[in-house]
PDB file of all heavy atoms in Angstrom:
ATOM      1  N   PRO A   1      14.220   1.142 -15.349  1.00  0.00           N
ATOM      2  CA  PRO A   1      13.406   0.892 -16.542  1.00  0.00           C
ATOM      3  C   PRO A   1      12.428  -0.277 -16.358  1.00  0.00           C
ATOM      4  O   PRO A   1      11.395  -0.319 -17.008  1.00  0.00           O
ATOM      5  CB  PRO A   1      14.437   0.566 -17.622  1.00  0.00           C
ATOM      6  CG  PRO A   1      15.691   1.209 -17.158  1.00  0.00           C
ATOM      7  CD  PRO A   1      15.651   1.134 -15.663  1.00  0.00           C
ATOM      8  N   ALA A   2      12.726  -1.189 -15.457  1.00  0.00           N
ATOM      9  CA  ALA A   2      11.855  -2.354 -15.234  1.00  0.00           C
ATOM     10  C   ALA A   2      10.793  -2.099 -14.167  1.00  0.00           C
ATOM     11  O   ALA A   2       9.940  -2.955 -13.928  1.00  0.00           O
ATOM     12  CB  ALA A   2      12.700  -3.557 -14.838  1.00  0.00           C
ATOM     13  N   ALA A   3      10.817  -0.944 -13.526  1.00  0.00           N
ATOM     14  CA  ALA A   3       9.874  -0.642 -12.448  1.00  0.00           C
ATOM     15  C   ALA A   3       8.439  -0.651 -12.960  1.00  0.00           C
ATOM     16  O   ALA A   3       8.165  -0.197 -14.070  1.00  0.00           O
ATOM     17  CB  ALA A   3      10.205   0.705 -11.824  1.00  0.00           C
ATOM     18  N   ARG A   4       7.542  -1.147 -12.149  1.00  0.00           N
ATOM     19  CA  ARG A   4       6.109  -1.171 -12.496  1.00  0.00           C
ATOM     20  C   ARG A   4       5.376   0.037 -11.916  1.00  0.00           C
ATOM     21  O   ARG A   4       4.181   0.191 -12.107  1.00  0.00           O
ATOM     22  CB  ARG A   4       5.474  -2.462 -11.973  1.00  0.00           C
ATOM     23  CG  ARG A   4       6.039  -3.720 -12.596  1.00  0.00           C
ATOM     24  CD  ARG A   4       5.639  -3.926 -14.048  1.00  0.00           C
ATOM     25  NE  ARG A   4       4.183  -3.943 -14.161  1.00  0.00           N
ATOM     26  CZ  ARG A   4       3.522  -3.400 -15.166  1.00  0.00           C
ATOM     27  NH1 ARG A   4       4.149  -2.820 -16.151  1.00  0.00           N
ATOM     28  NH2 ARG A   4       2.202  -3.435 -15.200  1.00  0.00           N
ATOM     29  N   THR A   5       6.108   0.859 -11.146  1.00  0.00           N
ATOM     30  CA  THR A   5       5.519   2.053 -10.552  1.00  0.00           C
ATOM     31  C   THR A   5       6.395   3.251 -10.840  1.00  0.00           C
ATOM     32  O   THR A   5       7.571   3.134 -11.153  1.00  0.00           O
ATOM     33  CB  THR A   5       5.366   1.904  -9.025  1.00  0.00           C
ATOM     34  OG1 THR A   5       6.667   1.727  -8.455  1.00  0.00           O
ATOM     35  CG2 THR A   5       4.467   0.743  -8.656  1.00  0.00           C
ATOM     36  N   GLY A   6       5.791   4.413 -10.719  1.00  0.00           N
ATOM     37  CA  GLY A   6       6.512   5.667 -10.873  1.00  0.00           C
ATOM     38  C   GLY A   6       5.811   6.728 -10.050  1.00  0.00           C
ATOM     39  O   GLY A   6       4.779   6.464  -9.419  1.00  0.00           O
ATOM     40  N   ALA A   7       6.371   7.909 -10.027  1.00  0.00           N
ATOM     41  CA  ALA A   7       5.778   8.994  -9.264  1.00  0.00           C
ATOM     42  C   ALA A   7       5.947  10.303 -10.011  1.00  0.00           C
ATOM     43  O   ALA A   7       6.873  10.468 -10.804  1.00  0.00           O
ATOM     44  CB  ALA A   7       6.417   9.084  -7.881  1.00  0.00           C
ATOM     45  N   ILE A   8       5.034  11.223  -9.735  1.00  0.00           N
ATOM     46  CA  ILE A   8       5.074  12.560 -10.315  1.00  0.00           C
ATOM     47  C   ILE A   8       5.112  13.564  -9.179  1.00  0.00           C
ATOM     48  O   ILE A   8       4.362  13.452  -8.201  1.00  0.00           O
ATOM     49  CB  ILE A   8       3.862  12.816 -11.230  1.00  0.00           C
ATOM     50  CG1 ILE A   8       3.869  11.831 -12.406  1.00  0.00           C
ATOM     51  CG2 ILE A   8       3.851  14.258 -11.719  1.00  0.00           C
ATOM     52  CD1 ILE A   8       2.657  11.924 -13.304  1.00  0.00           C
ATOM     53  N   PHE A   9       6.004  14.549  -9.319  1.00  0.00           N
ATOM     54  CA  PHE A   9       6.199  15.579  -8.311  1.00  0.00           C
ATOM     55  C   PHE A   9       6.004  16.935  -8.966  1.00  0.00           C
ATOM     56  O   PHE A   9       6.255  17.092 -10.161  1.00  0.00           O
ATOM     57  CB  PHE A   9       7.608  15.473  -7.723  1.00  0.00           C
ATOM     58  CG  PHE A   9       7.953  14.064  -7.313  1.00  0.00           C
ATOM     59  CD1 PHE A   9       8.735  13.263  -8.125  1.00  0.00           C
ATOM     60  CD2 PHE A   9       7.462  13.539  -6.139  1.00  0.00           C
ATOM     61  CE1 PHE A   9       9.037  11.961  -7.772  1.00  0.00           C
ATOM     62  CE2 PHE A   9       7.747  12.228  -5.776  1.00  0.00           C
ATOM     63  CZ  PHE A   9       8.540  11.443  -6.584  1.00  0.00           C
ATOM     64  N   MET A  10       5.570  17.936  -8.186  1.00  0.00           N
ATOM     65  CA  MET A  10       5.294  19.267  -8.735  1.00  0.00           C
ATOM     66  C   MET A  10       4.982  20.239  -7.615  1.00  0.00           C
ATOM     67  O   MET A  10       4.834  19.831  -6.457  1.00  0.00           O
ATOM     68  CB  MET A  10       4.111  19.194  -9.697  1.00  0.00           C
ATOM     69  CG  MET A  10       2.799  18.854  -9.001  1.00  0.00           C
ATOM     70  SD  MET A  10       1.433  18.445 -10.103  1.00  0.00           S
ATOM     71  CE  MET A  10       1.815  16.758 -10.498  1.00  0.00           C
ATOM     72  N   VAL A  11       4.847  21.496  -7.983  1.00  0.00           N
ATOM     73  CA  VAL A  11       4.367  22.520  -7.062  1.00  0.00           C
ATOM     74  C   VAL A  11       3.012  22.986  -7.583  1.00  0.00           C
ATOM     75  O   VAL A  11       2.887  23.350  -8.751  1.00  0.00           O
ATOM     76  CB  VAL A  11       5.350  23.710  -6.974  1.00  0.00           C
ATOM     77  CG1 VAL A  11       4.782  24.804  -6.068  1.00  0.00           C
ATOM     78  CG2 VAL A  11       6.711  23.249  -6.495  1.00  0.00           C
ATOM     79  N   LEU A  12       2.002  22.957  -6.714  1.00  0.00           N
ATOM     80  CA  LEU A  12       0.661  23.441  -7.049  1.00  0.00           C
ATOM     81  C   LEU A  12       0.501  24.810  -6.417  1.00  0.00           C
ATOM     82  O   LEU A  12       0.555  24.943  -5.187  1.00  0.00           O
ATOM     83  CB  LEU A  12      -0.403  22.476  -6.512  1.00  0.00           C
ATOM     84  CG  LEU A  12      -0.294  21.042  -7.022  1.00  0.00           C
ATOM     85  CD1 LEU A  12      -1.255  20.130  -6.265  1.00  0.00           C
ATOM     86  CD2 LEU A  12      -0.546  20.987  -8.515  1.00  0.00           C
ATOM     87  N   ASP A  13       0.334  25.825  -7.239  1.00  0.00           N
ATOM     88  CA  ASP A  13       0.298  27.217  -6.798  1.00  0.00           C
ATOM     89  C   ASP A  13      -1.107  27.770  -7.025  1.00  0.00           C
ATOM     90  O   ASP A  13      -1.592  27.800  -8.161  1.00  0.00           O
ATOM     91  CB  ASP A  13       1.339  28.012  -7.600  1.00  0.00           C
ATOM     92  CG  ASP A  13       1.731  29.303  -6.945  1.00  0.00           C
ATOM     93  OD1 ASP A  13       1.169  29.655  -5.892  1.00  0.00           O
ATOM     94  OD2 ASP A  13       2.619  29.977  -7.497  1.00  0.00           O
ATOM     95  N   ASN A  14      -1.766  28.196  -5.952  1.00  0.00           N
ATOM     96  CA  ASN A  14      -3.147  28.685  -6.018  1.00  0.00           C
ATOM     97  C   ASN A  14      -3.147  30.207  -6.062  1.00  0.00           C
ATOM     98  O   ASN A  14      -2.797  30.866  -5.086  1.00  0.00           O
ATOM     99  CB  ASN A  14      -3.920  28.178  -4.794  1.00  0.00           C
ATOM    100  CG  ASN A  14      -5.388  28.536  -4.840  1.00  0.00           C
ATOM    101  OD1 ASN A  14      -5.830  29.331  -5.656  1.00  0.00           O
ATOM    102  ND2 ASN A  14      -6.151  27.944  -3.930  1.00  0.00           N
ATOM    103  N   HIS A  15      -3.559  30.763  -7.197  1.00  0.00           N
ATOM    104  CA  HIS A  15      -3.591  32.218  -7.387  1.00  0.00           C
ATOM    105  C   HIS A  15      -4.973  32.806  -7.149  1.00  0.00           C
ATOM    106  O   HIS A  15      -5.248  33.923  -7.569  1.00  0.00           O
ATOM    107  CB  HIS A  15      -3.126  32.577  -8.809  1.00  0.00           C
ATOM    108  CG  HIS A  15      -1.675  32.309  -9.026  1.00  0.00           C
ATOM    109  ND1 HIS A  15      -0.705  33.242  -8.808  1.00  0.00           N
ATOM    110  CD2 HIS A  15      -1.025  31.187  -9.419  1.00  0.00           C
ATOM    111  CE1 HIS A  15       0.484  32.728  -9.063  1.00  0.00           C
ATOM    112  NE2 HIS A  15       0.312  31.475  -9.427  1.00  0.00           N
ATOM    113  N   THR A  16      -5.851  32.052  -6.481  1.00  0.00           N
ATOM    114  CA  THR A  16      -7.217  32.535  -6.252  1.00  0.00           C
ATOM    115  C   THR A  16      -7.400  32.962  -4.796  1.00  0.00           C
ATOM    116  O   THR A  16      -6.535  32.755  -3.957  1.00  0.00           O
ATOM    117  CB  THR A  16      -8.254  31.438  -6.594  1.00  0.00           C
ATOM    118  OG1 THR A  16      -8.199  30.418  -5.587  1.00  0.00           O
ATOM    119  CG2 THR A  16      -7.997  30.838  -7.965  1.00  0.00           C
ATOM    120  N   HIS A  17      -8.571  33.514  -4.509  1.00  0.00           N
ATOM    121  CA  HIS A  17      -8.919  33.953  -3.154  1.00  0.00           C
ATOM    122  C   HIS A  17      -9.574  32.833  -2.347  1.00  0.00           C
ATOM    123  O   HIS A  17     -10.005  33.080  -1.210  1.00  0.00           O
ATOM    124  CB  HIS A  17      -9.868  35.154  -3.215  1.00  0.00           C
ATOM    125  CG  HIS A  17      -9.259  36.358  -3.859  1.00  0.00           C
ATOM    126  ND1 HIS A  17      -8.203  37.043  -3.300  1.00  0.00           N
ATOM    127  CD2 HIS A  17      -9.552  36.987  -5.018  1.00  0.00           C
ATOM    128  CE1 HIS A  17      -7.872  38.054  -4.092  1.00  0.00           C
ATOM    129  NE2 HIS A  17      -8.668  38.040  -5.137  1.00  0.00           N
ATOM    130  N   ALA A  18      -9.672  31.634  -2.924  1.00  0.00           N
ATOM    131  CA  ALA A  18     -10.340  30.522  -2.239  1.00  0.00           C
ATOM    132  C   ALA A  18      -9.423  29.307  -2.158  1.00  0.00           C
ATOM    133  O   ALA A  18      -8.661  29.025  -3.083  1.00  0.00           O
ATOM    134  CB  ALA A  18     -11.618  30.150  -2.994  1.00  0.00           C
ATOM    135  N   ASP A  19      -9.502  28.597  -1.052  1.00  0.00           N
ATOM    136  CA  ASP A  19      -8.776  27.339  -0.936  1.00  0.00           C
ATOM    137  C   ASP A  19      -9.274  26.379  -2.008  1.00  0.00           C
ATOM    138  O   ASP A  19     -10.439  26.434  -2.423  1.00  0.00           O
ATOM    139  CB  ASP A  19      -9.020  26.702   0.435  1.00  0.00           C
ATOM    140  CG  ASP A  19      -8.437  27.509   1.592  1.00  0.00           C
ATOM    141  OD1 ASP A  19      -7.630  28.419   1.342  1.00  0.00           O
ATOM    142  OD2 ASP A  19      -8.815  27.210   2.736  1.00  0.00           O
ATOM    143  N   ASP A  20      -8.420  25.493  -2.465  1.00  0.00           N
ATOM    144  CA  ASP A  20      -8.812  24.457  -3.415  1.00  0.00           C
ATOM    145  C   ASP A  20      -8.155  23.167  -2.960  1.00  0.00           C
ATOM    146  O   ASP A  20      -7.462  23.133  -1.930  1.00  0.00           O
ATOM    147  CB  ASP A  20      -8.396  24.828  -4.846  1.00  0.00           C
ATOM    148  CG  ASP A  20      -9.272  24.165  -5.908  1.00  0.00           C
ATOM    149  OD1 ASP A  20      -9.907  23.123  -5.615  1.00  0.00           O
ATOM    150  OD2 ASP A  20      -9.300  24.666  -7.044  1.00  0.00           O
ATOM    151  N   ARG A  21      -8.365  22.101  -3.711  1.00  0.00           N
ATOM    152  CA  ARG A  21      -7.856  20.790  -3.314  1.00  0.00           C
ATOM    153  C   ARG A  21      -7.649  19.942  -4.563  1.00  0.00           C
ATOM    154  O   ARG A  21      -8.518  19.889  -5.418  1.00  0.00           O
ATOM    155  CB  ARG A  21      -8.885  20.150  -2.384  1.00  0.00           C
ATOM    156  CG  ARG A  21      -8.563  18.776  -1.892  1.00  0.00           C
ATOM    157  CD  ARG A  21      -9.571  18.329  -0.839  1.00  0.00           C
ATOM    158  NE  ARG A  21      -9.447  19.081   0.384  1.00  0.00           N
ATOM    159  CZ  ARG A  21      -8.556  18.831   1.344  1.00  0.00           C
ATOM    160  NH1 ARG A  21      -7.731  17.829   1.225  1.00  0.00           N
ATOM    161  NH2 ARG A  21      -8.511  19.564   2.426  1.00  0.00           N
ATOM    162  N   LEU A  22      -6.473  19.307  -4.667  1.00  0.00           N
ATOM    163  CA  LEU A  22      -6.251  18.296  -5.702  1.00  0.00           C
ATOM    164  C   LEU A  22      -6.918  17.030  -5.192  1.00  0.00           C
ATOM    165  O   LEU A  22      -6.539  16.505  -4.140  1.00  0.00           O
ATOM    166  CB  LEU A  22      -4.756  18.061  -5.938  1.00  0.00           C
ATOM    167  CG  LEU A  22      -4.401  16.945  -6.923  1.00  0.00           C
ATOM    168  CD1 LEU A  22      -4.905  17.264  -8.336  1.00  0.00           C
ATOM    169  CD2 LEU A  22      -2.898  16.708  -6.942  1.00  0.00           C
ATOM    170  N   ILE A  23      -7.944  16.550  -5.904  1.00  0.00           N
ATOM    171  CA  ILE A  23      -8.725  15.420  -5.399  1.00  0.00           C
ATOM    172  C   ILE A  23      -8.510  14.128  -6.173  1.00  0.00           C
ATOM    173  O   ILE A  23      -8.866  13.058  -5.679  1.00  0.00           O
ATOM    174  CB  ILE A  23     -10.233  15.746  -5.334  1.00  0.00           C
ATOM    175  CG1 ILE A  23     -10.762  16.188  -6.703  1.00  0.00           C
ATOM    176  CG2 ILE A  23     -10.495  16.821  -4.276  1.00  0.00           C
ATOM    177  CD1 ILE A  23     -12.273  16.374  -6.760  1.00  0.00           C
ATOM    178  N   ALA A  24      -7.918  14.198  -7.376  1.00  0.00           N
ATOM    179  CA  ALA A  24      -7.703  12.983  -8.159  1.00  0.00           C
ATOM    180  C   ALA A  24      -6.717  13.257  -9.285  1.00  0.00           C
ATOM    181  O   ALA A  24      -6.456  14.406  -9.646  1.00  0.00           O
ATOM    182  CB  ALA A  24      -9.024  12.482  -8.744  1.00  0.00           C
ATOM    183  N   ALA A  25      -6.192  12.172  -9.831  1.00  0.00           N
ATOM    184  CA  ALA A  25      -5.312  12.250 -11.000  1.00  0.00           C
ATOM    185  C   ALA A  25      -5.521  10.978 -11.823  1.00  0.00           C
ATOM    186  O   ALA A  25      -5.791   9.910 -11.271  1.00  0.00           O
ATOM    187  CB  ALA A  25      -3.860  12.386 -10.580  1.00  0.00           C
ATOM    188  N   THR A  26      -5.387  11.118 -13.138  1.00  0.00           N
ATOM    189  CA  THR A  26      -5.481   9.977 -14.041  1.00  0.00           C
ATOM    190  C   THR A  26      -4.403  10.108 -15.101  1.00  0.00           C
ATOM    191  O   THR A  26      -3.940  11.212 -15.403  1.00  0.00           O
ATOM    192  CB  THR A  26      -6.863   9.889 -14.741  1.00  0.00           C
ATOM    193  OG1 THR A  26      -7.074  11.109 -15.478  1.00  0.00           O
ATOM    194  CG2 THR A  26      -7.989   9.701 -13.739  1.00  0.00           C
ATOM    195  N   SER A  27      -4.008   8.959 -15.661  1.00  0.00           N
ATOM    196  CA  SER A  27      -3.022   8.954 -16.728  1.00  0.00           C
ATOM    197  C   SER A  27      -3.110   7.631 -17.472  1.00  0.00           C
ATOM    198  O   SER A  27      -3.289   6.574 -16.853  1.00  0.00           O
ATOM    199  CB  SER A  27      -1.615   9.123 -16.164  1.00  0.00           C
ATOM    200  OG  SER A  27      -0.650   9.045 -17.206  1.00  0.00           O
ATOM    201  N   GLU A  28      -2.972   7.689 -18.791  1.00  0.00           N
ATOM    202  CA  GLU A  28      -2.912   6.474 -19.581  1.00  0.00           C
ATOM    203  C   GLU A  28      -1.579   5.761 -19.412  1.00  0.00           C
ATOM    204  O   GLU A  28      -1.410   4.643 -19.864  1.00  0.00           O
ATOM    205  CB  GLU A  28      -3.179   6.787 -21.057  1.00  0.00           C
ATOM    206  CG  GLU A  28      -4.618   7.212 -21.303  1.00  0.00           C
ATOM    207  CD  GLU A  28      -4.924   7.441 -22.771  1.00  0.00           C
ATOM    208  OE1 GLU A  28      -4.096   7.087 -23.633  1.00  0.00           O
ATOM    209  OE2 GLU A  28      -6.007   7.982 -23.054  1.00  0.00           O
ATOM    210  N   ALA A  29      -0.638   6.381 -18.701  1.00  0.00           N
ATOM    211  CA  ALA A  29       0.682   5.787 -18.475  1.00  0.00           C
ATOM    212  C   ALA A  29       0.641   4.688 -17.413  1.00  0.00           C
ATOM    213  O   ALA A  29       1.602   3.942 -17.265  1.00  0.00           O
ATOM    214  CB  ALA A  29       1.683   6.857 -18.059  1.00  0.00           C
ATOM    215  N   ALA A  30      -0.488   4.580 -16.676  1.00  0.00           N
ATOM    216  CA  ALA A  30      -0.565   3.602 -15.592  1.00  0.00           C
ATOM    217  C   ALA A  30      -1.976   3.039 -15.470  1.00  0.00           C
ATOM    218  O   ALA A  30      -2.958   3.712 -15.787  1.00  0.00           O
ATOM    219  CB  ALA A  30      -0.163   4.255 -14.277  1.00  0.00           C
ATOM    220  N   ALA A  31      -2.044   1.813 -14.983  1.00  0.00           N
ATOM    221  CA  ALA A  31      -3.338   1.169 -14.763  1.00  0.00           C
ATOM    222  C   ALA A  31      -4.110   1.875 -13.653  1.00  0.00           C
ATOM    223  O   ALA A  31      -5.337   1.966 -13.702  1.00  0.00           O
ATOM    224  CB  ALA A  31      -3.136  -0.309 -14.409  1.00  0.00           C
ATOM    225  N   ARG A  32      -3.375   2.384 -12.656  1.00  0.00           N
ATOM    226  CA  ARG A  32      -4.018   3.066 -11.543  1.00  0.00           C
ATOM    227  C   ARG A  32      -3.158   4.257 -11.126  1.00  0.00           C
ATOM    228  O   ARG A  32      -1.939   4.163 -11.081  1.00  0.00           O
ATOM    229  CB  ARG A  32      -4.177   2.094 -10.380  1.00  0.00           C
ATOM    230  CG  ARG A  32      -5.169   2.562  -9.348  1.00  0.00           C
ATOM    231  CD  ARG A  32      -5.591   1.459  -8.407  1.00  0.00           C
ATOM    232  NE  ARG A  32      -4.523   1.237  -7.437  1.00  0.00           N
ATOM    233  CZ  ARG A  32      -4.234   0.062  -6.911  1.00  0.00           C
ATOM    234  NH1 ARG A  32      -4.890  -1.002  -7.265  1.00  0.00           N
ATOM    235  NH2 ARG A  32      -3.267  -0.045  -6.033  1.00  0.00           N
ATOM    236  N   VAL A  33      -3.806   5.363 -10.807  1.00  0.00           N
ATOM    237  CA  VAL A  33      -3.121   6.571 -10.356  1.00  0.00           C
ATOM    238  C   VAL A  33      -3.764   7.000  -9.040  1.00  0.00           C
ATOM    239  O   VAL A  33      -4.988   7.099  -8.950  1.00  0.00           O
ATOM    240  CB  VAL A  33      -3.224   7.707 -11.399  1.00  0.00           C
ATOM    241  CG1 VAL A  33      -2.494   8.950 -10.919  1.00  0.00           C
ATOM    242  CG2 VAL A  33      -2.694   7.245 -12.751  1.00  0.00           C
ATOM    243  N   GLU A  34      -2.931   7.228  -8.037  1.00  0.00           N
ATOM    244  CA  GLU A  34      -3.429   7.623  -6.722  1.00  0.00           C
ATOM    245  C   GLU A  34      -2.610   8.786  -6.186  1.00  0.00           C
ATOM    246  O   GLU A  34      -1.458   8.972  -6.560  1.00  0.00           O
ATOM    247  CB  GLU A  34      -3.340   6.449  -5.727  1.00  0.00           C
ATOM    248  CG  GLU A  34      -4.211   5.276  -6.087  1.00  0.00           C
ATOM    249  CD  GLU A  34      -4.073   4.106  -5.122  1.00  0.00           C
ATOM    250  OE1 GLU A  34      -3.210   4.161  -4.201  1.00  0.00           O
ATOM    251  OE2 GLU A  34      -4.824   3.127  -5.285  1.00  0.00           O
ATOM    252  N   LEU A  35      -3.209   9.529  -5.259  1.00  0.00           N
ATOM    253  CA  LEU A  35      -2.510  10.579  -4.540  1.00  0.00           C
ATOM    254  C   LEU A  35      -1.953   9.942  -3.269  1.00  0.00           C
ATOM    255  O   LEU A  35      -2.706   9.363  -2.486  1.00  0.00           O
ATOM    256  CB  LEU A  35      -3.466  11.728  -4.207  1.00  0.00           C
ATOM    257  CG  LEU A  35      -4.190  12.345  -5.396  1.00  0.00           C
ATOM    258  CD1 LEU A  35      -5.145  13.439  -4.933  1.00  0.00           C
ATOM    259  CD2 LEU A  35      -3.204  12.873  -6.422  1.00  0.00           C
ATOM    260  N   HIS A  36      -0.633  10.026  -3.089  1.00  0.00           N
ATOM    261  CA  HIS A  36       0.050   9.345  -1.987  1.00  0.00           C
ATOM    262  C   HIS A  36       0.850  10.307  -1.133  1.00  0.00           C
ATOM    263  O   HIS A  36       1.209  11.394  -1.569  1.00  0.00           O
ATOM    264  CB  HIS A  36       1.028   8.298  -2.542  1.00  0.00           C
ATOM    265  CG  HIS A  36       0.401   7.001  -2.876  1.00  0.00           C
ATOM    266  ND1 HIS A  36       1.114   5.825  -2.920  1.00  0.00           N
ATOM    267  CD2 HIS A  36      -0.878   6.666  -3.180  1.00  0.00           C
ATOM    268  CE1 HIS A  36       0.307   4.826  -3.244  1.00  0.00           C
ATOM    269  NE2 HIS A  36      -0.902   5.316  -3.413  1.00  0.00           N
ATOM    270  N   THR A  37       1.176   9.852   0.068  1.00  0.00           N
ATOM    271  CA  THR A  37       2.089  10.558   0.958  1.00  0.00           C
ATOM    272  C   THR A  37       2.875   9.535   1.757  1.00  0.00           C
ATOM    273  O   THR A  37       2.602   8.335   1.689  1.00  0.00           O
ATOM    274  CB  THR A  37       1.351  11.532   1.900  1.00  0.00           C
ATOM    275  OG1 THR A  37       2.302  12.431   2.461  1.00  0.00           O
ATOM    276  CG2 THR A  37       0.581  10.805   2.995  1.00  0.00           C
ATOM    277  N   HIS A  38       3.849  10.018   2.495  1.00  0.00           N
ATOM    278  CA  HIS A  38       4.630   9.200   3.425  1.00  0.00           C
ATOM    279  C   HIS A  38       4.331   9.705   4.839  1.00  0.00           C
ATOM    280  O   HIS A  38       4.271  10.915   5.061  1.00  0.00           O
ATOM    281  CB  HIS A  38       6.141   9.366   3.191  1.00  0.00           C
ATOM    282  CG  HIS A  38       6.624   8.703   1.962  1.00  0.00           C
ATOM    283  ND1 HIS A  38       6.685   9.349   0.748  1.00  0.00           N
ATOM    284  CD2 HIS A  38       7.075   7.449   1.744  1.00  0.00           C
ATOM    285  CE1 HIS A  38       7.173   8.519  -0.159  1.00  0.00           C
ATOM    286  NE2 HIS A  38       7.414   7.358   0.423  1.00  0.00           N
ATOM    287  N   THR A  39       4.154   8.775   5.777  1.00  0.00           N
ATOM    288  CA  THR A  39       4.005   9.153   7.174  1.00  0.00           C
ATOM    289  C   THR A  39       4.858   8.234   8.030  1.00  0.00           C
ATOM    290  O   THR A  39       5.081   7.069   7.668  1.00  0.00           O
ATOM    291  CB  THR A  39       2.537   9.082   7.646  1.00  0.00           C
ATOM    292  OG1 THR A  39       2.007   7.791   7.366  1.00  0.00           O
ATOM    293  CG2 THR A  39       1.675  10.130   6.977  1.00  0.00           C
ATOM    294  N   ASP A  40       5.309   8.764   9.147  1.00  0.00           N
ATOM    295  CA  ASP A  40       6.106   7.993  10.099  1.00  0.00           C
ATOM    296  C   ASP A  40       5.150   7.130  10.908  1.00  0.00           C
ATOM    297  O   ASP A  40       4.160   7.620  11.452  1.00  0.00           O
ATOM    298  CB  ASP A  40       6.870   8.961  11.017  1.00  0.00           C
ATOM    299  CG  ASP A  40       7.888   8.269  11.894  1.00  0.00           C
ATOM    300  OD1 ASP A  40       7.627   7.131  12.349  1.00  0.00           O
ATOM    301  OD2 ASP A  40       8.938   8.881  12.148  1.00  0.00           O
ATOM    302  N   ASP A  41       5.444   5.836  11.012  1.00  0.00           N
ATOM    303  CA  ASP A  41       4.562   4.923  11.753  1.00  0.00           C
ATOM    304  C   ASP A  41       4.770   4.993  13.260  1.00  0.00           C
ATOM    305  O   ASP A  41       4.184   4.227  14.016  1.00  0.00           O
ATOM    306  CB  ASP A  41       4.721   3.488  11.253  1.00  0.00           C
ATOM    307  CG  ASP A  41       6.034   2.837  11.667  1.00  0.00           C
ATOM    308  OD1 ASP A  41       6.896   3.525  12.272  1.00  0.00           O
ATOM    309  OD2 ASP A  41       6.211   1.640  11.378  1.00  0.00           O
ATOM    310  N   GLY A  42       5.594   5.930  13.708  1.00  0.00           N
ATOM    311  CA  GLY A  42       5.861   6.076  15.126  1.00  0.00           C
ATOM    312  C   GLY A  42       7.105   5.329  15.573  1.00  0.00           C
ATOM    313  O   GLY A  42       7.604   5.527  16.674  1.00  0.00           O
ATOM    314  N   ASN A  43       7.615   4.453  14.714  1.00  0.00           N
ATOM    315  CA  ASN A  43       8.826   3.688  15.008  1.00  0.00           C
ATOM    316  C   ASN A  43       9.974   4.099  14.104  1.00  0.00           C
ATOM    317  O   ASN A  43      10.934   3.349  13.950  1.00  0.00           O
ATOM    318  CB  ASN A  43       8.561   2.186  14.855  1.00  0.00           C
ATOM    319  CG  ASN A  43       7.534   1.690  15.845  1.00  0.00           C
ATOM    320  OD1 ASN A  43       7.603   2.014  17.022  1.00  0.00           O
ATOM    321  ND2 ASN A  43       6.564   0.937  15.361  1.00  0.00           N
ATOM    322  N   GLY A  44       9.851   5.258  13.461  1.00  0.00           N
ATOM    323  CA  GLY A  44      10.902   5.732  12.576  1.00  0.00           C
ATOM    324  C   GLY A  44      10.867   5.125  11.184  1.00  0.00           C
ATOM    325  O   GLY A  44      11.758   5.365  10.385  1.00  0.00           O
ATOM    326  N   VAL A  45       9.823   4.356  10.872  1.00  0.00           N
ATOM    327  CA  VAL A  45       9.673   3.752   9.548  1.00  0.00           C
ATOM    328  C   VAL A  45       8.650   4.567   8.765  1.00  0.00           C
ATOM    329  O   VAL A  45       7.534   4.803   9.237  1.00  0.00           O
ATOM    330  CB  VAL A  45       9.212   2.276   9.644  1.00  0.00           C
ATOM    331  CG1 VAL A  45       8.972   1.692   8.262  1.00  0.00           C
ATOM    332  CG2 VAL A  45      10.237   1.448  10.407  1.00  0.00           C
ATOM    333  N   MET A  46       9.049   5.016   7.573  1.00  0.00           N
ATOM    334  CA  MET A  46       8.149   5.782   6.725  1.00  0.00           C
ATOM    335  C   MET A  46       7.282   4.832   5.914  1.00  0.00           C
ATOM    336  O   MET A  46       7.790   3.910   5.284  1.00  0.00           O
ATOM    337  CB  MET A  46       8.942   6.706   5.795  1.00  0.00           C
ATOM    338  CG  MET A  46       9.765   7.754   6.529  1.00  0.00           C
ATOM    339  SD  MET A  46       8.807   8.815   7.639  1.00  0.00           S
ATOM    340  CE  MET A  46       7.874   9.765   6.452  1.00  0.00           C
TER     341      MET A  46
END
């Protein structure tokens, strides 16, 4: 409850004949909203 950050997860399903892309997100629930991922730095640290 005291966290200053949160995350949203979902499945994006494209029913069209063309590729698309999620390029941004906004919400009044946070000062800033970004699209994030995790990657391995090569040393086993995400």
